[in-house]
Amino acid sequence: MIITINTPVKTRFIAGKLLVSWLKRHLFSLVVENIAKIK
């Protein structure tokens, strides 16, 4: 029972971390592109 409760939480946590890191990278590249266009 402990495993079934913990596994989804861990999976969600890992997925959340991956999503956040991906978003940061994506937003950073977008900002860099916009700055390059302005310059």
PDB file of N, CA and C in Angstrom:
ATOM      1  N   MET A   1       0.833  -1.209   0.000  1.00  0.00           N
ATOM      2  CA  MET A   1       0.000   0.000   0.000  1.00  0.00           C
ATOM      3  C   MET A   1       0.873   1.266   0.000  1.00  0.00           C
ATOM      4  N   ILE A   2       1.981   1.221   0.730  1.00  0.00           N
ATOM      5  CA  ILE A   2       2.872   2.389   0.779  1.00  0.00           C
ATOM      6  C   ILE A   2       3.430   2.673  -0.620  1.00  0.00           C
ATOM      7  N   ILE A   3       3.764   1.589  -1.347  1.00  0.00           N
ATOM      8  CA  ILE A   3       4.353   1.743  -2.684  1.00  0.00           C
ATOM      9  C   ILE A   3       3.357   2.420  -3.625  1.00  0.00           C
ATOM     10  N   THR A   4       2.094   1.979  -3.599  1.00  0.00           N
ATOM     11  CA  THR A   4       1.087   2.550  -4.512  1.00  0.00           C
ATOM     12  C   THR A   4       0.823   4.014  -4.199  1.00  0.00           C
ATOM     13  N   ILE A   5       0.998   4.422  -2.948  1.00  0.00           N
ATOM     14  CA  ILE A   5       0.790   5.834  -2.584  1.00  0.00           C
ATOM     15  C   ILE A   5       2.020   6.655  -2.988  1.00  0.00           C
ATOM     16  N   ASN A   6       3.211   6.117  -2.734  1.00  0.00           N
ATOM     17  CA  ASN A   6       4.441   6.869  -2.982  1.00  0.00           C
ATOM     18  C   ASN A   6       4.768   7.003  -4.469  1.00  0.00           C
ATOM     19  N   THR A   7       4.543   5.945  -5.241  1.00  0.00           N
ATOM     20  CA  THR A   7       4.970   5.953  -6.645  1.00  0.00           C
ATOM     21  C   THR A   7       4.360   7.098  -7.453  1.00  0.00           C
ATOM     22  N   PRO A   8       3.036   7.304  -7.429  1.00  0.00           N
ATOM     23  CA  PRO A   8       2.475   8.423  -8.202  1.00  0.00           C
ATOM     24  C   PRO A   8       3.027   9.773  -7.765  1.00  0.00           C
ATOM     25  N   VAL A   9       3.249   9.944  -6.473  1.00  0.00           N
ATOM     26  CA  VAL A   9       3.787  11.214  -5.961  1.00  0.00           C
ATOM     27  C   VAL A   9       5.188  11.438  -6.515  1.00  0.00           C
ATOM     28  N   LYS A  10       6.025  10.395  -6.467  1.00  0.00           N
ATOM     29  CA  LYS A  10       7.390  10.510  -6.999  1.00  0.00           C
ATOM     30  C   LYS A  10       7.357  10.800  -8.490  1.00  0.00           C
ATOM     31  N   THR A  11       6.503  10.083  -9.207  1.00  0.00           N
ATOM     32  CA  THR A  11       6.403  10.272 -10.660  1.00  0.00           C
ATOM     33  C   THR A  11       5.978  11.698 -10.979  1.00  0.00           C
ATOM     34  N   ARG A  12       4.977  12.185 -10.242  1.00  0.00           N
ATOM     35  CA  ARG A  12       4.491  13.552 -10.453  1.00  0.00           C
ATOM     36  C   ARG A  12       5.599  14.551 -10.137  1.00  0.00           C
ATOM     37  N   PHE A  13       6.346  14.283  -9.056  1.00  0.00           N
ATOM     38  CA  PHE A  13       7.430  15.177  -8.644  1.00  0.00           C
ATOM     39  C   PHE A  13       8.502  15.245  -9.724  1.00  0.00           C
ATOM     40  N   ILE A  14       8.898  14.065 -10.235  1.00  0.00           N
ATOM     41  CA  ILE A  14       9.927  14.005 -11.283  1.00  0.00           C
ATOM     42  C   ILE A  14       9.418  14.696 -12.548  1.00  0.00           C
ATOM     43  N   ALA A  15       8.160  14.419 -12.910  1.00  0.00           N
ATOM     44  CA  ALA A  15       7.572  15.041 -14.103  1.00  0.00           C
ATOM     45  C   ALA A  15       7.530  16.559 -13.931  1.00  0.00           C
ATOM     46  N   GLY A  16       7.177  17.009 -12.735  1.00  0.00           N
ATOM     47  CA  GLY A  16       7.129  18.437 -12.448  1.00  0.00           C
ATOM     48  C   GLY A  16       8.497  19.081 -12.598  1.00  0.00           C
ATOM     49  N   LYS A  17       9.526  18.412 -12.073  1.00  0.00           N
ATOM     50  CA  LYS A  17      10.889  18.938 -12.175  1.00  0.00           C
ATOM     51  C   LYS A  17      11.317  19.034 -13.629  1.00  0.00           C
ATOM     52  N   LEU A  18      11.004  17.984 -14.401  1.00  0.00           N
ATOM     53  CA  LEU A  18      11.366  17.968 -15.819  1.00  0.00           C
ATOM     54  C   LEU A  18      10.643  19.090 -16.561  1.00  0.00           C
ATOM     55  N   LEU A  19       9.357  19.261 -16.258  1.00  0.00           N
ATOM     56  CA  LEU A  19       8.556  20.292 -16.920  1.00  0.00           C
ATOM     57  C   LEU A  19       9.111  21.677 -16.610  1.00  0.00           C
ATOM     58  N   VAL A  20       9.464  21.901 -15.350  1.00  0.00           N
ATOM     59  CA  VAL A  20       9.996  23.205 -14.931  1.00  0.00           C
ATOM     60  C   VAL A  20      11.318  23.492 -15.639  1.00  0.00           C
ATOM     61  N   SER A  21      12.214  22.493 -15.677  1.00  0.00           N
ATOM     62  CA  SER A  21      13.514  22.696 -16.322  1.00  0.00           C
ATOM     63  C   SER A  21      13.338  22.930 -17.822  1.00  0.00           C
ATOM     64  N   TRP A  22      12.376  22.204 -18.437  1.00  0.00           N
ATOM     65  CA  TRP A  22      12.115  22.385 -19.865  1.00  0.00           C
ATOM     66  C   TRP A  22      11.569  23.787 -20.133  1.00  0.00           C
ATOM     67  N   LEU A  23      10.630  24.223 -19.278  1.00  0.00           N
ATOM     68  CA  LEU A  23      10.034  25.554 -19.434  1.00  0.00           C
ATOM     69  C   LEU A  23      11.095  26.637 -19.291  1.00  0.00           C
ATOM     70  N   LYS A  24      11.975  26.478 -18.298  1.00  0.00           N
ATOM     71  CA  LYS A  24      13.041  27.464 -18.083  1.00  0.00           C
ATOM     72  C   LYS A  24      13.907  27.577 -19.329  1.00  0.00           C
ATOM     73  N   ARG A  25      14.299  26.418 -19.896  1.00  0.00           N
ATOM     74  CA  ARG A  25      15.152  26.408 -21.076  1.00  0.00           C
ATOM     75  C   ARG A  25      14.419  27.053 -22.255  1.00  0.00           C
ATOM     76  N   HIS A  26      13.143  26.697 -22.422  1.00  0.00           N
ATOM     77  CA  HIS A  26      12.339  27.192 -23.535  1.00  0.00           C
ATOM     78  C   HIS A  26      12.170  28.711 -23.431  1.00  0.00           C
ATOM     79  N   LEU A  27      11.814  29.189 -22.228  1.00  0.00           N
ATOM     80  CA  LEU A  27      11.613  30.623 -22.018  1.00  0.00           C
ATOM     81  C   LEU A  27      12.920  31.376 -22.222  1.00  0.00           C
ATOM     82  N   PHE A  28      14.027  30.801 -21.736  1.00  0.00           N
ATOM     83  CA  PHE A  28      15.331  31.448 -21.873  1.00  0.00           C
ATOM     84  C   PHE A  28      15.686  31.624 -23.342  1.00  0.00           C
ATOM     85  N   SER A  29      15.485  30.569 -24.151  1.00  0.00           N
ATOM     86  CA  SER A  29      15.811  30.643 -25.576  1.00  0.00           C
ATOM     87  C   SER A  29      14.909  31.659 -26.279  1.00  0.00           C
ATOM     88  N   LEU A  30      13.635  31.723 -25.867  1.00  0.00           N
ATOM     89  CA  LEU A  30      12.714  32.698 -26.458  1.00  0.00           C
ATOM     90  C   LEU A  30      13.172  34.119 -26.149  1.00  0.00           C
ATOM     91  N   VAL A  31      13.570  34.364 -24.908  1.00  0.00           N
ATOM     92  CA  VAL A  31      14.035  35.692 -24.493  1.00  0.00           C
ATOM     93  C   VAL A  31      15.284  36.073 -25.279  1.00  0.00           C
ATOM     94  N   VAL A  32      16.212  35.129 -25.419  1.00  0.00           N
ATOM     95  CA  VAL A  32      17.452  35.390 -26.164  1.00  0.00           C
ATOM     96  C   VAL A  32      17.129  35.735 -27.614  1.00  0.00           C
ATOM     97  N   GLU A  33      16.203  34.989 -28.214  1.00  0.00           N
ATOM     98  CA  GLU A  33      15.804  35.257 -29.605  1.00  0.00           C
ATOM     99  C   GLU A  33      15.210  36.654 -29.741  1.00  0.00           C
ATOM    100  N   ASN A  34      14.351  37.036 -28.788  1.00  0.00           N
ATOM    101  CA  ASN A  34      13.716  38.355 -28.835  1.00  0.00           C
ATOM    102  C   ASN A  34      14.744  39.465 -28.678  1.00  0.00           C
ATOM    103  N   ILE A  35      15.714  39.266 -27.787  1.00  0.00           N
ATOM    104  CA  ILE A  35      16.759  40.275 -27.586  1.00  0.00           C
ATOM    105  C   ILE A  35      17.580  40.415 -28.864  1.00  0.00           C
ATOM    106  N   ALA A  36      17.882  39.285 -29.504  1.00  0.00           N
ATOM    107  CA  ALA A  36      18.651  39.306 -30.750  1.00  0.00           C
ATOM    108  C   ALA A  36      17.883  40.065 -31.835  1.00  0.00           C
ATOM    109  N   LYS A  37      16.560  39.889 -31.881  1.00  0.00           N
ATOM    110  CA  LYS A  37      15.733  40.581 -32.875  1.00  0.00           C
ATOM    111  C   LYS A  37      15.731  42.084 -32.617  1.00  0.00           C
ATOM    112  N   ILE A  38      15.659  42.475 -31.335  1.00  0.00           N
ATOM    113  CA  ILE A  38      15.629  43.896 -30.972  1.00  0.00           C
ATOM    114  C   ILE A  38      16.956  44.556 -31.353  1.00  0.00           C
ATOM    115  N   LYS A  39      18.052  43.878 -31.060  1.00  0.00           N
ATOM    116  CA  LYS A  39      19.375  44.413 -31.401  1.00  0.00           C
ATOM    117  C   LYS A  39      19.561  44.414 -32.918  1.00  0.00           C
TER     118      LYS A  39
END
